[in-house]
N, C-alpha and C. Protein backbone atom coordinates (compact mmCIF):
# COMPACT_ATOMS: atom_id res chain seq x y z
N MET A 1 105.54 89.20 95.60
CA MET A 1 104.18 89.63 95.57
C MET A 1 104.06 90.74 94.54
N LEU A 2 103.01 90.68 93.78
CA LEU A 2 102.80 91.65 92.71
C LEU A 2 101.42 92.27 92.86
N PHE A 3 101.38 93.61 92.91
CA PHE A 3 100.13 94.34 93.03
C PHE A 3 99.99 95.26 91.82
N THR A 4 98.90 95.08 91.06
CA THR A 4 98.68 95.89 89.86
C THR A 4 97.34 96.61 89.96
N THR A 5 97.11 97.50 89.01
CA THR A 5 95.85 98.26 89.00
C THR A 5 94.66 97.34 88.83
N GLY A 6 94.85 96.18 88.26
CA GLY A 6 93.74 95.25 88.07
C GLY A 6 93.39 94.49 89.34
N GLY A 7 94.21 94.60 90.37
CA GLY A 7 93.97 93.86 91.60
C GLY A 7 92.95 94.52 92.50
N LEU A 8 92.27 93.71 93.26
CA LEU A 8 91.33 94.23 94.24
C LEU A 8 92.09 94.62 95.50
N THR A 9 91.72 95.72 96.12
CA THR A 9 92.44 96.15 97.31
C THR A 9 91.76 95.71 98.60
N THR A 10 90.52 95.27 98.54
CA THR A 10 89.80 94.87 99.75
C THR A 10 90.48 93.66 100.37
N GLY A 11 90.99 93.84 101.57
CA GLY A 11 91.61 92.74 102.30
C GLY A 11 93.04 92.44 101.93
N VAL A 12 93.55 93.07 100.88
CA VAL A 12 94.91 92.74 100.43
C VAL A 12 95.95 93.11 101.49
N GLY A 13 95.75 94.21 102.18
CA GLY A 13 96.70 94.62 103.21
C GLY A 13 96.75 93.64 104.36
N ALA A 14 95.58 93.18 104.80
CA ALA A 14 95.53 92.23 105.91
C ALA A 14 96.17 90.91 105.52
N GLU A 15 95.87 90.44 104.31
CA GLU A 15 96.46 89.18 103.85
C GLU A 15 97.97 89.30 103.72
N THR A 16 98.44 90.39 103.13
CA THR A 16 99.88 90.59 102.95
C THR A 16 100.56 90.71 104.30
N GLY A 17 99.98 91.49 105.19
CA GLY A 17 100.54 91.63 106.54
C GLY A 17 100.59 90.30 107.27
N GLY A 18 99.57 89.48 107.08
CA GLY A 18 99.55 88.16 107.71
C GLY A 18 100.68 87.27 107.21
N ILE A 19 100.91 87.29 105.91
CA ILE A 19 102.00 86.50 105.33
C ILE A 19 103.35 86.99 105.83
N LEU A 20 103.58 88.30 105.73
CA LEU A 20 104.86 88.86 106.16
C LEU A 20 105.07 88.69 107.66
N GLY A 21 103.99 88.82 108.43
CA GLY A 21 104.09 88.61 109.88
C GLY A 21 104.45 87.17 110.22
N GLU A 22 103.86 86.22 109.49
CA GLU A 22 104.17 84.81 109.73
C GLU A 22 105.64 84.51 109.45
N PHE A 23 106.22 85.24 108.51
CA PHE A 23 107.64 85.07 108.18
C PHE A 23 108.54 85.89 109.12
N HIS A 24 107.94 86.62 110.05
CA HIS A 24 108.68 87.44 111.02
C HIS A 24 109.49 88.55 110.37
N PHE A 25 108.94 89.20 109.34
CA PHE A 25 109.65 90.27 108.65
C PHE A 25 109.41 91.66 109.23
N ARG A 26 108.52 91.78 110.24
CA ARG A 26 108.25 93.11 110.79
C ARG A 26 109.52 93.71 111.37
N ARG A 27 109.78 94.97 111.04
CA ARG A 27 110.97 95.66 111.56
C ARG A 27 110.92 95.68 113.08
N GLY A 28 112.04 95.37 113.70
CA GLY A 28 112.13 95.39 115.16
C GLY A 28 111.52 94.18 115.83
N ASN A 29 111.12 93.18 115.07
CA ASN A 29 110.52 91.97 115.63
C ASN A 29 111.56 91.25 116.49
N PRO A 30 111.27 91.00 117.77
CA PRO A 30 112.25 90.34 118.63
C PRO A 30 112.33 88.82 118.43
N ALA A 31 111.51 88.26 117.53
CA ALA A 31 111.54 86.82 117.31
C ALA A 31 112.93 86.37 116.88
N THR A 32 113.30 85.18 117.29
CA THR A 32 114.64 84.68 116.95
C THR A 32 114.65 83.90 115.64
N THR A 33 113.48 83.61 115.09
CA THR A 33 113.44 82.90 113.81
C THR A 33 112.89 83.81 112.72
N HIS A 34 113.53 83.78 111.60
CA HIS A 34 113.14 84.60 110.45
C HIS A 34 113.32 83.80 109.18
N LYS A 35 112.41 83.97 108.25
CA LYS A 35 112.62 83.39 106.93
C LYS A 35 113.62 84.29 106.21
N PRO A 36 114.40 83.77 105.29
CA PRO A 36 115.38 84.59 104.58
C PRO A 36 114.71 85.68 103.73
N GLY A 37 114.93 86.93 104.08
CA GLY A 37 114.30 88.05 103.40
C GLY A 37 114.73 88.24 101.96
N GLN A 38 115.88 87.70 101.60
CA GLN A 38 116.35 87.85 100.22
C GLN A 38 115.40 87.23 99.22
N ARG A 39 114.57 86.33 99.67
CA ARG A 39 113.67 85.62 98.76
C ARG A 39 112.31 86.28 98.62
N VAL A 40 112.11 87.42 99.23
CA VAL A 40 110.81 88.10 99.17
C VAL A 40 110.99 89.48 98.55
N ALA A 41 110.15 89.78 97.58
CA ALA A 41 110.15 91.11 96.98
C ALA A 41 108.70 91.49 96.67
N VAL A 42 108.40 92.76 96.82
CA VAL A 42 107.07 93.28 96.54
C VAL A 42 107.18 94.26 95.39
N TYR A 43 106.31 94.11 94.40
CA TYR A 43 106.28 94.99 93.24
C TYR A 43 104.89 95.59 93.16
N VAL A 44 104.82 96.93 93.13
CA VAL A 44 103.55 97.64 93.17
C VAL A 44 103.45 98.58 91.98
N ASP A 45 102.40 98.42 91.20
CA ASP A 45 102.09 99.31 90.08
C ASP A 45 101.84 100.72 90.62
N GLU A 46 102.37 101.72 89.96
CA GLU A 46 102.18 103.11 90.39
C GLU A 46 100.70 103.49 90.50
N GLU A 47 99.85 102.82 89.74
CA GLU A 47 98.41 103.12 89.74
C GLU A 47 97.67 102.40 90.87
N PHE A 48 98.30 101.41 91.48
CA PHE A 48 97.65 100.62 92.53
C PHE A 48 97.52 101.47 93.78
N GLY A 49 96.37 101.44 94.41
CA GLY A 49 96.15 102.25 95.60
C GLY A 49 95.75 101.43 96.80
N SER A 50 96.59 101.42 97.80
CA SER A 50 96.28 100.78 99.08
C SER A 50 97.20 101.38 100.13
N ALA A 51 96.62 102.07 101.09
CA ALA A 51 97.43 102.69 102.15
C ALA A 51 98.24 101.65 102.90
N THR A 52 97.65 100.49 103.13
CA THR A 52 98.36 99.43 103.86
C THR A 52 99.57 98.93 103.08
N ILE A 53 99.40 98.70 101.80
CA ILE A 53 100.51 98.23 100.96
C ILE A 53 101.58 99.31 100.86
N ASP A 54 101.16 100.57 100.77
CA ASP A 54 102.12 101.68 100.69
C ASP A 54 102.97 101.78 101.95
N GLU A 55 102.49 101.27 103.08
CA GLU A 55 103.23 101.32 104.34
C GLU A 55 104.20 100.15 104.53
N LEU A 56 104.16 99.17 103.64
CA LEU A 56 105.01 97.98 103.80
C LEU A 56 106.49 98.30 104.01
N PRO A 57 107.08 99.20 103.22
CA PRO A 57 108.52 99.43 103.43
C PRO A 57 108.85 100.04 104.79
N ASN A 58 107.87 100.68 105.42
CA ASN A 58 108.10 101.25 106.75
C ASN A 58 107.96 100.22 107.86
N GLY A 59 107.11 99.22 107.65
CA GLY A 59 106.84 98.26 108.70
C GLY A 59 107.55 96.93 108.58
N TYR A 60 108.02 96.60 107.38
CA TYR A 60 108.61 95.28 107.16
C TYR A 60 109.98 95.40 106.49
N ASP A 61 110.86 94.48 106.85
CA ASP A 61 112.21 94.45 106.30
C ASP A 61 112.22 93.57 105.04
N ILE A 62 111.68 94.12 103.95
CA ILE A 62 111.57 93.40 102.69
C ILE A 62 111.96 94.34 101.55
N ARG A 63 112.19 93.77 100.39
CA ARG A 63 112.43 94.59 99.20
C ARG A 63 111.08 95.06 98.67
N TYR A 64 111.00 96.35 98.35
CA TYR A 64 109.74 96.97 97.90
C TYR A 64 110.06 97.83 96.70
N ASN A 65 109.34 97.60 95.60
CA ASN A 65 109.60 98.33 94.36
C ASN A 65 108.29 98.80 93.75
N ARG A 66 108.29 100.02 93.21
CA ARG A 66 107.14 100.52 92.45
C ARG A 66 107.54 100.50 90.97
N PHE A 67 106.57 100.27 90.10
CA PHE A 67 106.87 100.27 88.68
C PHE A 67 105.75 100.97 87.91
N GLU A 68 106.12 101.54 86.76
CA GLU A 68 105.15 102.26 85.92
C GLU A 68 104.76 101.47 84.67
N SER A 69 105.63 100.58 84.22
CA SER A 69 105.37 99.87 82.97
C SER A 69 105.85 98.42 83.10
N LYS A 70 105.46 97.63 82.12
CA LYS A 70 105.90 96.24 82.09
C LYS A 70 107.42 96.17 82.01
N ASP A 71 108.02 97.07 81.23
CA ASP A 71 109.49 97.10 81.12
C ASP A 71 110.13 97.41 82.47
N ASP A 72 109.55 98.37 83.22
CA ASP A 72 110.06 98.69 84.56
C ASP A 72 109.99 97.47 85.47
N LEU A 73 108.86 96.75 85.39
CA LEU A 73 108.69 95.56 86.22
C LEU A 73 109.72 94.50 85.85
N HIS A 74 109.89 94.25 84.56
CA HIS A 74 110.88 93.26 84.13
C HIS A 74 112.29 93.63 84.59
N THR A 75 112.63 94.92 84.48
CA THR A 75 113.95 95.39 84.91
C THR A 75 114.13 95.17 86.42
N ALA A 76 113.12 95.52 87.21
CA ALA A 76 113.21 95.36 88.66
C ALA A 76 113.35 93.90 89.06
N ILE A 77 112.59 93.03 88.43
CA ILE A 77 112.68 91.60 88.75
C ILE A 77 114.03 91.04 88.31
N ARG A 78 114.52 91.48 87.16
CA ARG A 78 115.84 91.04 86.70
C ARG A 78 116.93 91.45 87.69
N ARG A 79 116.85 92.69 88.19
CA ARG A 79 117.82 93.14 89.20
C ARG A 79 117.75 92.27 90.45
N TRP A 80 116.52 91.92 90.86
CA TRP A 80 116.35 91.08 92.04
C TRP A 80 117.03 89.73 91.83
N PHE A 81 116.79 89.10 90.68
CA PHE A 81 117.44 87.83 90.40
C PHE A 81 118.96 87.98 90.30
N ASP A 82 119.44 89.04 89.65
CA ASP A 82 120.88 89.27 89.56
C ASP A 82 121.50 89.41 90.94
N ASN A 83 120.81 90.12 91.85
CA ASN A 83 121.30 90.25 93.22
C ASN A 83 121.36 88.90 93.92
N LEU A 84 120.35 88.07 93.70
CA LEU A 84 120.38 86.72 94.29
C LEU A 84 121.56 85.92 93.77
N VAL A 85 121.83 86.03 92.48
CA VAL A 85 122.97 85.32 91.89
C VAL A 85 124.27 85.80 92.53
N ARG A 86 124.43 87.13 92.66
CA ARG A 86 125.65 87.67 93.29
C ARG A 86 125.79 87.20 94.73
N GLU A 87 124.68 87.20 95.47
CA GLU A 87 124.72 86.80 96.87
C GLU A 87 125.07 85.33 97.04
N THR A 88 124.76 84.52 96.05
CA THR A 88 125.00 83.08 96.19
C THR A 88 126.29 82.62 95.51
N ARG A 89 127.10 83.53 95.00
CA ARG A 89 128.37 83.12 94.39
C ARG A 89 129.31 82.50 95.41
N ASP A 90 129.36 83.09 96.60
CA ASP A 90 130.28 82.61 97.62
C ASP A 90 129.61 81.73 98.68
N ALA A 91 128.31 81.87 98.83
CA ALA A 91 127.60 81.10 99.84
C ALA A 91 126.14 80.93 99.42
N ASP A 92 125.57 79.81 99.79
CA ASP A 92 124.16 79.59 99.49
C ASP A 92 123.29 80.52 100.31
N LEU A 93 122.09 80.79 99.81
CA LEU A 93 121.14 81.55 100.61
C LEU A 93 120.75 80.70 101.82
N PRO A 94 120.50 81.35 102.94
CA PRO A 94 120.08 80.58 104.11
C PRO A 94 118.75 79.88 103.84
N VAL A 95 118.59 78.73 104.45
CA VAL A 95 117.36 77.96 104.32
C VAL A 95 116.65 78.01 105.66
N PHE A 96 115.37 78.33 105.63
CA PHE A 96 114.58 78.38 106.85
C PHE A 96 114.09 76.98 107.17
N ILE A 97 114.46 76.49 108.36
CA ILE A 97 114.00 75.19 108.82
C ILE A 97 113.23 75.43 110.11
N PRO A 98 111.91 75.21 110.08
CA PRO A 98 111.12 75.47 111.29
C PRO A 98 111.71 74.77 112.50
N GLY A 99 111.77 75.50 113.59
CA GLY A 99 112.33 74.95 114.82
C GLY A 99 113.78 75.29 115.03
N GLU A 100 114.47 75.69 113.97
CA GLU A 100 115.86 76.11 114.10
C GLU A 100 115.92 77.63 114.03
N THR A 101 116.98 78.20 114.55
CA THR A 101 117.10 79.66 114.59
C THR A 101 117.77 80.17 113.33
N TYR A 102 117.17 81.17 112.72
CA TYR A 102 117.80 81.90 111.63
C TYR A 102 117.76 83.37 112.02
N SER A 103 118.89 83.99 112.07
CA SER A 103 118.97 85.40 112.41
C SER A 103 119.70 86.12 111.29
N SER A 104 119.06 87.09 110.67
CA SER A 104 119.68 87.81 109.57
C SER A 104 120.95 88.52 110.01
N GLU A 105 121.04 88.86 111.28
CA GLU A 105 122.23 89.55 111.78
C GLU A 105 123.45 88.63 111.79
N THR A 106 123.25 87.32 111.90
CA THR A 106 124.40 86.41 112.01
C THR A 106 124.90 85.92 110.65
N SER A 107 124.15 86.20 109.57
CA SER A 107 124.57 85.65 108.29
C SER A 107 125.21 86.70 107.38
N GLU A 108 125.57 87.85 107.93
CA GLU A 108 126.16 88.90 107.09
C GLU A 108 127.64 88.69 106.92
């Protein structure tokens, strides 16, 4: 997810929360099924203003990054992809299959 100064903030928090909630990413969520969090990252422009979006790292177990320039954004996304490559050298990323259990605690 990418939030920039050009984006509208009306409703963005509710929509983002709905998506992350559907994936069961809320911290402390007792649900037994979770989508693989390694595949989700949030990038927020330093100029973007939304109290709800600013609270994401406190409420959800996802990667959250702020950036000041296009170069910062490219660097952050490159790091995210590099981390995915490292994580998949020895094992594939978990695949979420509705109806089956995925627990981030069991795949470490």
